[in-house]
N, C-alpha and C. Protein backbone atom coordinates (compact mmCIF):
# COMPACT_ATOMS: atom_id res chain seq x y z
N MET A 1 42.55 23.89 38.90
CA MET A 1 43.74 24.69 38.71
C MET A 1 44.30 25.12 40.12
N GLY A 2 45.35 25.94 40.07
CA GLY A 2 45.90 26.45 41.29
C GLY A 2 46.95 25.55 41.86
N GLN A 3 47.15 24.27 41.29
CA GLN A 3 48.11 23.36 41.78
C GLN A 3 49.54 23.77 41.32
N THR A 4 50.55 23.60 42.12
CA THR A 4 51.90 23.90 41.73
C THR A 4 52.42 22.74 41.00
N LEU A 5 52.91 22.89 39.75
CA LEU A 5 53.49 21.91 38.99
C LEU A 5 55.02 21.90 39.22
N PRO A 6 55.69 20.78 39.02
CA PRO A 6 57.12 20.77 39.17
C PRO A 6 57.70 21.69 38.08
N LYS A 7 58.90 22.10 38.34
CA LYS A 7 59.66 23.02 37.25
C LYS A 7 59.88 22.23 36.05
N PRO A 8 59.51 22.85 34.92
CA PRO A 8 59.78 22.09 33.63
C PRO A 8 61.31 22.10 33.30
N ALA A 9 61.76 21.10 32.62
CA ALA A 9 63.07 20.93 32.18
C ALA A 9 63.14 21.10 30.62
N LEU A 10 64.35 21.34 30.12
CA LEU A 10 64.50 21.59 28.69
C LEU A 10 65.41 20.48 28.17
N ARG A 11 65.10 20.07 26.98
CA ARG A 11 66.06 19.14 26.26
C ARG A 11 65.89 19.36 24.72
N PRO A 12 66.80 18.79 24.02
CA PRO A 12 66.78 19.00 22.57
C PRO A 12 65.71 18.06 21.96
N TYR A 13 65.25 18.41 20.75
CA TYR A 13 64.31 17.70 20.02
C TYR A 13 64.86 16.25 19.53
N LEU A 14 64.14 15.26 19.64
CA LEU A 14 64.38 13.93 19.06
C LEU A 14 63.36 13.55 18.06
N ALA A 15 63.77 12.85 17.02
CA ALA A 15 62.75 12.44 16.02
C ALA A 15 61.56 11.74 16.55
N VAL A 16 61.73 11.04 17.68
CA VAL A 16 60.68 10.20 18.28
C VAL A 16 59.69 11.15 18.92
N ASP A 17 59.98 12.40 19.12
CA ASP A 17 59.03 13.45 19.65
C ASP A 17 58.03 13.95 18.76
N THR A 18 58.23 13.68 17.43
CA THR A 18 57.42 14.29 16.44
C THR A 18 55.88 14.08 16.66
N PRO A 19 55.38 12.87 16.97
CA PRO A 19 53.89 12.74 17.10
C PRO A 19 53.39 13.63 18.35
N ILE A 20 53.99 13.57 19.47
CA ILE A 20 53.57 14.25 20.67
C ILE A 20 53.65 15.79 20.31
N LEU A 21 54.61 16.29 19.72
CA LEU A 21 54.75 17.73 19.38
C LEU A 21 53.64 18.18 18.42
N ALA A 22 53.38 17.24 17.45
CA ALA A 22 52.24 17.53 16.51
C ALA A 22 50.95 17.63 17.30
N ALA A 23 50.79 16.81 18.30
CA ALA A 23 49.45 16.90 19.14
C ALA A 23 49.53 18.18 20.00
N ILE A 24 50.66 18.56 20.45
CA ILE A 24 50.68 19.82 21.29
C ILE A 24 50.42 21.01 20.35
N PHE A 25 50.93 20.95 19.21
CA PHE A 25 50.75 22.14 18.25
C PHE A 25 49.27 22.21 17.95
N ALA A 26 48.67 21.10 17.54
CA ALA A 26 47.27 21.12 17.16
C ALA A 26 46.34 21.45 18.39
N ALA A 27 46.64 20.99 19.64
CA ALA A 27 45.82 21.32 20.75
C ALA A 27 45.95 22.81 21.06
N ALA A 28 47.25 23.38 21.01
CA ALA A 28 47.38 24.76 21.28
C ALA A 28 46.64 25.67 20.28
N VAL A 29 46.70 25.30 19.00
CA VAL A 29 46.04 26.07 18.06
C VAL A 29 44.40 26.01 18.30
N LEU A 30 43.92 24.75 18.51
CA LEU A 30 42.52 24.58 18.54
C LEU A 30 41.90 25.08 19.89
N GLU A 31 42.64 25.05 20.89
CA GLU A 31 42.14 25.39 22.21
C GLU A 31 42.60 26.81 22.78
N LEU A 32 43.57 27.46 22.20
CA LEU A 32 44.06 28.68 22.72
C LEU A 32 43.96 29.88 21.81
N THR A 33 43.55 29.71 20.58
CA THR A 33 43.47 30.81 19.62
C THR A 33 42.02 31.21 19.30
N GLY A 34 40.97 30.70 19.83
CA GLY A 34 39.62 30.99 19.59
C GLY A 34 39.15 32.40 19.60
N ASP A 35 39.77 33.20 20.48
CA ASP A 35 39.44 34.56 20.55
C ASP A 35 39.93 35.43 19.43
N ASP A 36 40.90 34.88 18.63
CA ASP A 36 41.62 35.67 17.60
C ASP A 36 41.29 35.07 16.26
N TYR A 37 40.92 33.82 16.06
CA TYR A 37 40.80 33.15 14.78
C TYR A 37 39.44 32.31 14.71
N SER A 38 38.95 32.30 13.52
CA SER A 38 37.67 31.55 13.41
C SER A 38 37.95 30.15 13.43
N GLU A 39 36.89 29.28 13.58
CA GLU A 39 37.01 27.79 13.66
C GLU A 39 37.67 27.29 12.32
N PRO A 40 37.21 27.76 11.14
CA PRO A 40 37.91 27.24 9.97
C PRO A 40 39.37 27.62 9.83
N GLN A 41 39.71 28.83 10.38
CA GLN A 41 41.07 29.19 10.35
C GLN A 41 41.91 28.28 11.36
N GLN A 42 41.41 28.04 12.50
CA GLN A 42 42.03 27.20 13.50
C GLN A 42 42.23 25.79 12.94
N GLU A 43 41.15 25.25 12.29
CA GLU A 43 41.35 23.97 11.71
C GLU A 43 42.37 23.81 10.60
N ALA A 44 42.41 24.87 9.80
CA ALA A 44 43.34 25.02 8.72
C ALA A 44 44.78 25.04 9.27
N TRP A 45 44.99 25.82 10.28
CA TRP A 45 46.28 25.99 10.89
C TRP A 45 46.76 24.73 11.64
N ALA A 46 45.83 24.08 12.35
CA ALA A 46 46.11 22.82 13.09
C ALA A 46 46.46 21.75 12.12
N ALA A 47 45.87 21.80 10.98
CA ALA A 47 46.10 20.64 9.94
C ALA A 47 47.46 20.73 9.36
N THR A 48 48.23 21.78 9.60
CA THR A 48 49.62 21.90 8.96
C THR A 48 50.49 20.71 9.56
N VAL A 49 50.10 20.19 10.70
CA VAL A 49 50.99 19.12 11.22
C VAL A 49 50.45 17.73 10.89
N ASP A 50 49.40 17.63 10.08
CA ASP A 50 48.93 16.28 9.80
C ASP A 50 50.00 15.49 9.06
N ASP A 51 50.87 16.14 8.25
CA ASP A 51 51.91 15.34 7.57
C ASP A 51 53.10 15.32 8.60
N GLU A 52 53.16 14.28 9.48
CA GLU A 52 54.06 14.24 10.58
C GLU A 52 55.51 14.20 10.00
N ASP A 53 55.70 13.50 8.89
CA ASP A 53 57.05 13.46 8.29
C ASP A 53 57.61 14.87 7.94
N ALA A 54 56.75 15.65 7.27
CA ALA A 54 57.17 17.07 6.95
C ALA A 54 57.36 17.82 8.23
N PHE A 55 56.47 17.64 9.19
CA PHE A 55 56.64 18.41 10.48
C PHE A 55 57.92 17.99 11.17
N GLY A 56 58.22 16.77 11.15
CA GLY A 56 59.44 16.23 11.84
C GLY A 56 60.67 16.79 11.13
N LYS A 57 60.63 16.85 9.88
CA LYS A 57 61.76 17.44 9.10
C LYS A 57 61.91 18.95 9.41
N ARG A 58 60.83 19.61 9.53
CA ARG A 58 60.90 21.06 9.96
C ARG A 58 61.54 21.20 11.29
N LEU A 59 61.16 20.40 12.26
CA LEU A 59 61.74 20.48 13.55
C LEU A 59 63.18 20.10 13.61
N ALA A 60 63.44 19.13 12.84
CA ALA A 60 64.82 18.65 12.79
C ALA A 60 65.81 19.61 12.14
N GLY A 61 65.23 20.40 11.23
CA GLY A 61 66.11 21.32 10.45
C GLY A 61 66.29 22.65 11.16
N GLN A 62 65.81 22.74 12.42
CA GLN A 62 65.92 23.97 13.16
C GLN A 62 66.46 23.60 14.51
N LEU A 63 66.87 24.53 15.34
CA LEU A 63 67.23 24.41 16.70
C LEU A 63 65.92 24.25 17.46
N THR A 64 65.54 23.12 17.89
CA THR A 64 64.26 22.94 18.54
C THR A 64 64.50 22.33 19.98
N LEU A 65 63.84 23.01 20.88
CA LEU A 65 63.87 22.71 22.40
C LEU A 65 62.57 22.26 22.77
N ILE A 66 62.59 21.27 23.69
CA ILE A 66 61.40 20.74 24.23
C ILE A 66 61.33 20.98 25.71
N ALA A 67 60.20 21.53 26.14
CA ALA A 67 59.95 21.59 27.61
C ALA A 67 59.27 20.36 28.07
N THR A 68 59.67 19.80 29.18
CA THR A 68 59.17 18.56 29.75
C THR A 68 58.71 18.85 31.16
N LEU A 69 57.63 18.11 31.54
CA LEU A 69 57.24 18.07 33.02
C LEU A 69 57.24 16.55 33.29
N GLN A 70 57.99 16.17 34.29
CA GLN A 70 58.17 14.78 34.64
C GLN A 70 58.36 13.90 33.41
N ASN A 71 59.27 14.32 32.59
CA ASN A 71 59.82 13.66 31.39
C ASN A 71 58.87 13.60 30.22
N SER A 72 57.63 14.29 30.36
CA SER A 72 56.68 14.38 29.27
C SER A 72 56.71 15.66 28.65
N PRO A 73 56.83 15.74 27.28
CA PRO A 73 56.80 17.00 26.57
C PRO A 73 55.44 17.77 26.82
N VAL A 74 55.59 19.04 27.06
CA VAL A 74 54.42 19.88 27.30
C VAL A 74 54.56 21.19 26.41
N GLY A 75 55.66 21.41 25.77
CA GLY A 75 55.79 22.47 24.90
C GLY A 75 57.04 22.43 24.06
N PHE A 76 57.18 23.27 23.07
CA PHE A 76 58.44 23.29 22.24
C PHE A 76 58.52 24.64 21.59
N ALA A 77 59.80 24.91 21.21
CA ALA A 77 60.08 26.19 20.48
C ALA A 77 61.19 25.89 19.51
N SER A 78 61.15 26.63 18.39
CA SER A 78 62.25 26.35 17.42
C SER A 78 62.79 27.71 16.85
N LEU A 79 64.18 27.66 16.66
CA LEU A 79 64.85 28.83 16.04
C LEU A 79 65.30 28.41 14.67
N LYS A 80 64.73 29.12 13.75
CA LYS A 80 65.09 28.96 12.28
C LYS A 80 66.17 29.90 11.90
N GLY A 81 67.24 29.28 11.47
CA GLY A 81 68.47 30.20 11.19
C GLY A 81 69.04 30.79 12.49
N ALA A 82 69.56 31.92 12.37
CA ALA A 82 70.17 32.55 13.55
C ALA A 82 69.32 33.42 14.31
N ASP A 83 68.18 33.91 13.64
CA ASP A 83 67.44 34.94 14.32
C ASP A 83 65.93 34.93 14.11
N HIS A 84 65.36 33.75 13.85
CA HIS A 84 63.88 33.68 13.62
C HIS A 84 63.34 32.61 14.45
N ILE A 85 62.50 33.11 15.45
CA ILE A 85 61.73 32.12 16.23
C ILE A 85 60.59 31.66 15.34
N ASP A 86 60.62 30.35 14.88
CA ASP A 86 59.66 29.84 13.93
C ASP A 86 58.38 29.40 14.63
N MET A 87 58.66 28.62 15.69
CA MET A 87 57.50 28.00 16.42
C MET A 87 57.64 28.10 17.88
N LEU A 88 56.60 28.35 18.64
CA LEU A 88 56.54 28.37 20.09
C LEU A 88 55.12 27.94 20.53
N TYR A 89 55.04 26.72 21.01
CA TYR A 89 53.70 26.20 21.30
C TYR A 89 53.76 25.42 22.62
N VAL A 90 52.73 25.60 23.39
CA VAL A 90 52.62 24.86 24.74
C VAL A 90 51.25 24.21 24.76
N HIS A 91 51.25 23.10 25.44
CA HIS A 91 50.01 22.31 25.61
C HIS A 91 49.07 23.29 26.47
N PRO A 92 47.70 23.35 26.07
CA PRO A 92 46.78 24.13 26.82
C PRO A 92 46.76 23.97 28.23
N SER A 93 47.02 22.71 28.74
CA SER A 93 47.08 22.41 30.25
C SER A 93 48.09 23.12 30.95
N VAL A 94 49.14 23.62 30.28
CA VAL A 94 50.18 24.42 30.98
C VAL A 94 50.29 25.83 30.53
N ALA A 95 49.34 26.29 29.72
CA ALA A 95 49.32 27.68 29.20
C ALA A 95 49.31 28.59 30.46
N GLY A 96 50.12 29.71 30.32
CA GLY A 96 50.08 30.69 31.43
C GLY A 96 50.85 30.24 32.71
N GLN A 97 51.67 29.19 32.63
CA GLN A 97 52.40 28.71 33.78
C GLN A 97 53.94 28.81 33.65
N GLY A 98 54.34 29.62 32.58
CA GLY A 98 55.81 29.87 32.49
C GLY A 98 56.59 29.08 31.54
N VAL A 99 55.95 28.01 30.92
CA VAL A 99 56.57 27.11 30.05
C VAL A 99 57.08 27.85 28.80
N ALA A 100 56.14 28.63 28.18
CA ALA A 100 56.54 29.42 26.94
C ALA A 100 57.64 30.43 27.28
N SER A 101 57.58 31.11 28.45
CA SER A 101 58.61 32.01 28.86
C SER A 101 59.94 31.32 28.98
N MET A 102 60.01 30.21 29.63
CA MET A 102 61.21 29.43 29.76
C MET A 102 61.77 29.08 28.36
N LEU A 103 60.96 28.58 27.49
CA LEU A 103 61.38 28.21 26.10
C LEU A 103 61.97 29.41 25.39
N CYS A 104 61.22 30.54 25.51
CA CYS A 104 61.66 31.80 24.80
C CYS A 104 62.99 32.31 25.40
N ASP A 105 63.05 32.27 26.75
CA ASP A 105 64.29 32.63 27.42
C ASP A 105 65.52 31.91 26.86
N ALA A 106 65.27 30.61 26.79
CA ALA A 106 66.41 29.75 26.30
C ALA A 106 66.78 29.98 24.85
N LEU A 107 65.74 30.30 23.90
CA LEU A 107 66.14 30.60 22.57
C LEU A 107 66.81 31.92 22.47
N GLU A 108 66.37 32.89 23.29
CA GLU A 108 67.02 34.22 23.29
C GLU A 108 68.44 34.08 23.79
N LYS A 109 68.65 33.28 24.83
CA LYS A 109 69.98 33.09 25.38
C LYS A 109 70.92 32.43 24.42
N LEU A 110 70.42 31.36 23.71
CA LEU A 110 71.25 30.62 22.74
C LEU A 110 71.56 31.50 21.50
N ALA A 111 70.51 32.31 21.09
CA ALA A 111 70.80 33.19 19.87
C ALA A 111 71.84 34.31 20.28
N SER A 112 71.78 34.85 21.38
CA SER A 112 72.60 35.85 21.84
C SER A 112 74.03 35.27 22.08
N GLY A 113 74.21 34.12 22.63
CA GLY A 113 75.40 33.44 22.78
C GLY A 113 76.13 33.13 21.43
N ARG A 114 75.34 33.03 20.36
CA ARG A 114 75.92 32.75 19.06
C ARG A 114 76.14 34.10 18.30
N GLY A 115 75.98 35.22 18.94
CA GLY A 115 76.26 36.50 18.36
C GLY A 115 75.08 37.14 17.69
N THR A 116 73.99 36.62 17.69
CA THR A 116 72.79 37.26 17.14
C THR A 116 72.41 38.46 17.88
N LYS A 117 72.18 39.58 17.14
CA LYS A 117 71.94 40.91 17.77
C LYS A 117 70.38 41.15 18.04
N SER A 118 69.59 40.41 17.18
CA SER A 118 68.12 40.59 17.35
C SER A 118 67.38 39.37 16.90
N LEU A 119 66.22 39.20 17.44
CA LEU A 119 65.38 38.04 17.01
C LEU A 119 64.13 38.61 16.35
N ILE A 120 63.48 37.84 15.41
CA ILE A 120 62.26 38.15 14.88
C ILE A 120 61.32 37.00 15.05
N VAL A 121 60.04 37.27 15.10
CA VAL A 121 58.98 36.28 15.18
C VAL A 121 57.81 36.73 14.44
N ASP A 122 57.11 35.83 13.71
CA ASP A 122 55.84 36.14 13.11
C ASP A 122 54.79 35.66 14.12
N ALA A 123 54.37 36.53 15.01
CA ALA A 123 53.53 36.30 16.08
C ALA A 123 52.02 36.22 15.64
N SER A 124 51.34 35.20 16.09
CA SER A 124 49.93 35.13 15.84
C SER A 124 49.30 36.24 16.69
N ASP A 125 48.03 36.57 16.35
CA ASP A 125 47.36 37.54 17.10
C ASP A 125 47.23 37.13 18.58
N THR A 126 47.08 35.76 18.82
CA THR A 126 47.12 35.21 20.16
C THR A 126 48.34 35.44 20.97
N ALA A 127 49.57 35.35 20.20
CA ALA A 127 50.80 35.47 20.95
C ALA A 127 51.40 36.85 20.97
N GLN A 128 50.81 37.86 20.39
CA GLN A 128 51.38 39.16 20.29
C GLN A 128 51.64 39.78 21.74
N ASP A 129 50.70 39.58 22.63
CA ASP A 129 50.86 40.22 23.98
C ASP A 129 52.03 39.51 24.63
N PHE A 130 52.24 38.17 24.55
CA PHE A 130 53.30 37.47 25.10
C PHE A 130 54.56 38.16 24.67
N PHE A 131 54.77 38.18 23.36
CA PHE A 131 56.03 38.72 22.84
C PHE A 131 56.15 40.25 23.12
N ARG A 132 55.17 41.05 23.10
CA ARG A 132 55.29 42.44 23.43
C ARG A 132 55.70 42.67 24.88
N LYS A 133 55.24 41.70 25.82
CA LYS A 133 55.72 41.94 27.20
C LYS A 133 57.19 41.47 27.43
N ARG A 134 57.74 40.79 26.44
CA ARG A 134 59.11 40.37 26.43
C ARG A 134 60.02 41.33 25.79
N GLY A 135 59.46 42.45 25.22
CA GLY A 135 60.26 43.45 24.63
C GLY A 135 60.30 43.38 23.11
N TYR A 136 59.50 42.56 22.48
CA TYR A 136 59.39 42.52 21.04
C TYR A 136 58.49 43.67 20.53
N VAL A 137 58.85 44.31 19.42
CA VAL A 137 58.22 45.39 18.90
C VAL A 137 57.68 45.09 17.53
N ALA A 138 56.37 45.43 17.35
CA ALA A 138 55.73 45.09 16.11
C ALA A 138 56.42 45.82 14.92
N GLN A 139 56.65 45.20 13.78
CA GLN A 139 57.35 45.74 12.68
C GLN A 139 56.28 45.83 11.52
N GLN A 140 55.46 44.81 11.25
CA GLN A 140 54.57 44.82 10.18
C GLN A 140 53.54 43.73 10.35
N ARG A 141 52.28 44.00 9.74
CA ARG A 141 51.22 43.03 9.77
C ARG A 141 51.35 42.21 8.59
N ASN A 142 51.10 40.90 8.63
CA ASN A 142 51.14 39.95 7.51
C ASN A 142 49.82 39.22 7.32
N THR A 143 49.63 38.73 6.25
CA THR A 143 48.44 37.92 6.00
C THR A 143 49.01 36.62 5.18
N VAL A 144 48.81 35.53 5.61
CA VAL A 144 49.26 34.21 5.04
C VAL A 144 48.13 33.25 4.66
N THR A 145 48.26 32.48 3.70
CA THR A 145 47.30 31.57 3.41
C THR A 145 47.76 30.17 3.91
N VAL A 146 46.87 29.52 4.71
CA VAL A 146 47.29 28.30 5.26
C VAL A 146 46.08 27.39 5.00
N ASN A 147 46.36 26.32 4.15
CA ASN A 147 45.33 25.34 3.80
C ASN A 147 44.04 25.99 3.33
N GLY A 148 44.18 27.13 2.52
CA GLY A 148 43.00 27.72 1.95
C GLY A 148 42.38 28.76 2.82
N GLU A 149 42.91 29.04 3.91
CA GLU A 149 42.33 30.08 4.88
C GLU A 149 43.39 31.16 4.99
N TRP A 150 42.86 32.40 5.14
CA TRP A 150 43.75 33.50 5.42
C TRP A 150 43.93 33.76 6.87
N LEU A 151 45.23 33.87 7.37
CA LEU A 151 45.43 34.12 8.83
C LEU A 151 46.33 35.31 8.87
N ALA A 152 46.13 36.13 9.86
CA ALA A 152 46.95 37.37 10.10
C ALA A 152 47.90 37.06 11.15
N ASN A 153 49.09 37.64 11.08
CA ASN A 153 50.16 37.64 12.18
C ASN A 153 50.97 38.91 12.11
N THR A 154 51.81 39.16 13.01
CA THR A 154 52.58 40.34 13.00
C THR A 154 54.03 40.00 13.16
N THR A 155 54.89 40.52 12.37
CA THR A 155 56.37 40.33 12.49
C THR A 155 56.79 41.24 13.58
N MET A 156 57.42 40.72 14.60
CA MET A 156 57.98 41.53 15.74
C MET A 156 59.44 41.23 15.84
N GLN A 157 60.12 42.18 16.47
CA GLN A 157 61.58 42.07 16.59
C GLN A 157 61.98 42.57 17.97
N LYS A 158 62.98 41.94 18.48
CA LYS A 158 63.65 42.20 19.78
C LYS A 158 65.12 42.32 19.72
N THR A 159 65.61 43.45 20.14
CA THR A 159 67.15 43.56 20.22
C THR A 159 67.57 42.79 21.38
N LEU A 160 68.52 41.91 21.26
CA LEU A 160 69.09 41.03 22.31
C LEU A 160 70.17 41.80 23.03
N SER A 161 70.26 41.74 24.31
CA SER A 161 71.37 42.31 25.06
C SER A 161 72.55 41.26 25.15
N ASP A 162 73.65 41.66 25.48
CA ASP A 162 74.78 40.80 25.54
C ASP A 162 74.73 39.92 26.76
N ASN A 163 73.87 40.14 27.60
CA ASN A 163 73.61 39.39 28.84
C ASN A 163 72.78 38.20 28.68
N ALA A 164 72.78 37.24 29.47
CA ALA A 164 71.98 36.08 29.40
C ALA A 164 70.50 36.58 29.70
N ALA A 165 69.52 35.91 29.15
CA ALA A 165 68.14 36.12 29.32
C ALA A 165 67.87 36.00 30.73
N PRO A 166 66.90 36.76 31.30
CA PRO A 166 66.60 36.52 32.74
C PRO A 166 65.88 35.20 32.95
N GLY A 167 66.13 34.58 34.11
CA GLY A 167 65.42 33.34 34.47
C GLY A 167 66.14 32.15 33.91
N VAL A 168 67.18 32.28 33.19
CA VAL A 168 67.89 31.05 32.58
C VAL A 168 69.24 31.00 33.24
N PRO A 169 69.50 29.84 33.96
CA PRO A 169 70.75 29.70 34.63
C PRO A 169 71.89 29.66 33.64
N THR A 170 72.98 30.26 34.04
CA THR A 170 74.13 30.24 33.12
C THR A 170 75.23 29.25 33.59
């Protein structure tokens, strides 16, 4: 570790990205959430992308951005409707290096530019601190069934300012 990576770039989702984004999703769940979820919970969650056609349709039906390093996808985020961050996942090899922040900054800026006053996210227990540090406030705890396993998350909300998100060029 400790090496400086080139700055990630953002681009829109393309259907051809579906297999690599499914792999990033599964790797993130299996490798980054072990402190908060059991192995059966992780496996059930990761398996939600096994149906790549359904996963691709979900991504295509939302505003989905991809973070790339040297033209290779390393993370993605999606905005469902005007105000709901549905997915935000980064490959474990780039976790903690600003990729998720860049993706979230971009979604916040896009939503604000479209007139959205606040964003909500159902944050996993693993992602709560990330969103809390960005100004999201816990609203309620949730329990959802995923492939026969119960998983907890927290609905969090952030009021957006009229200004562009920090760190995103205008």
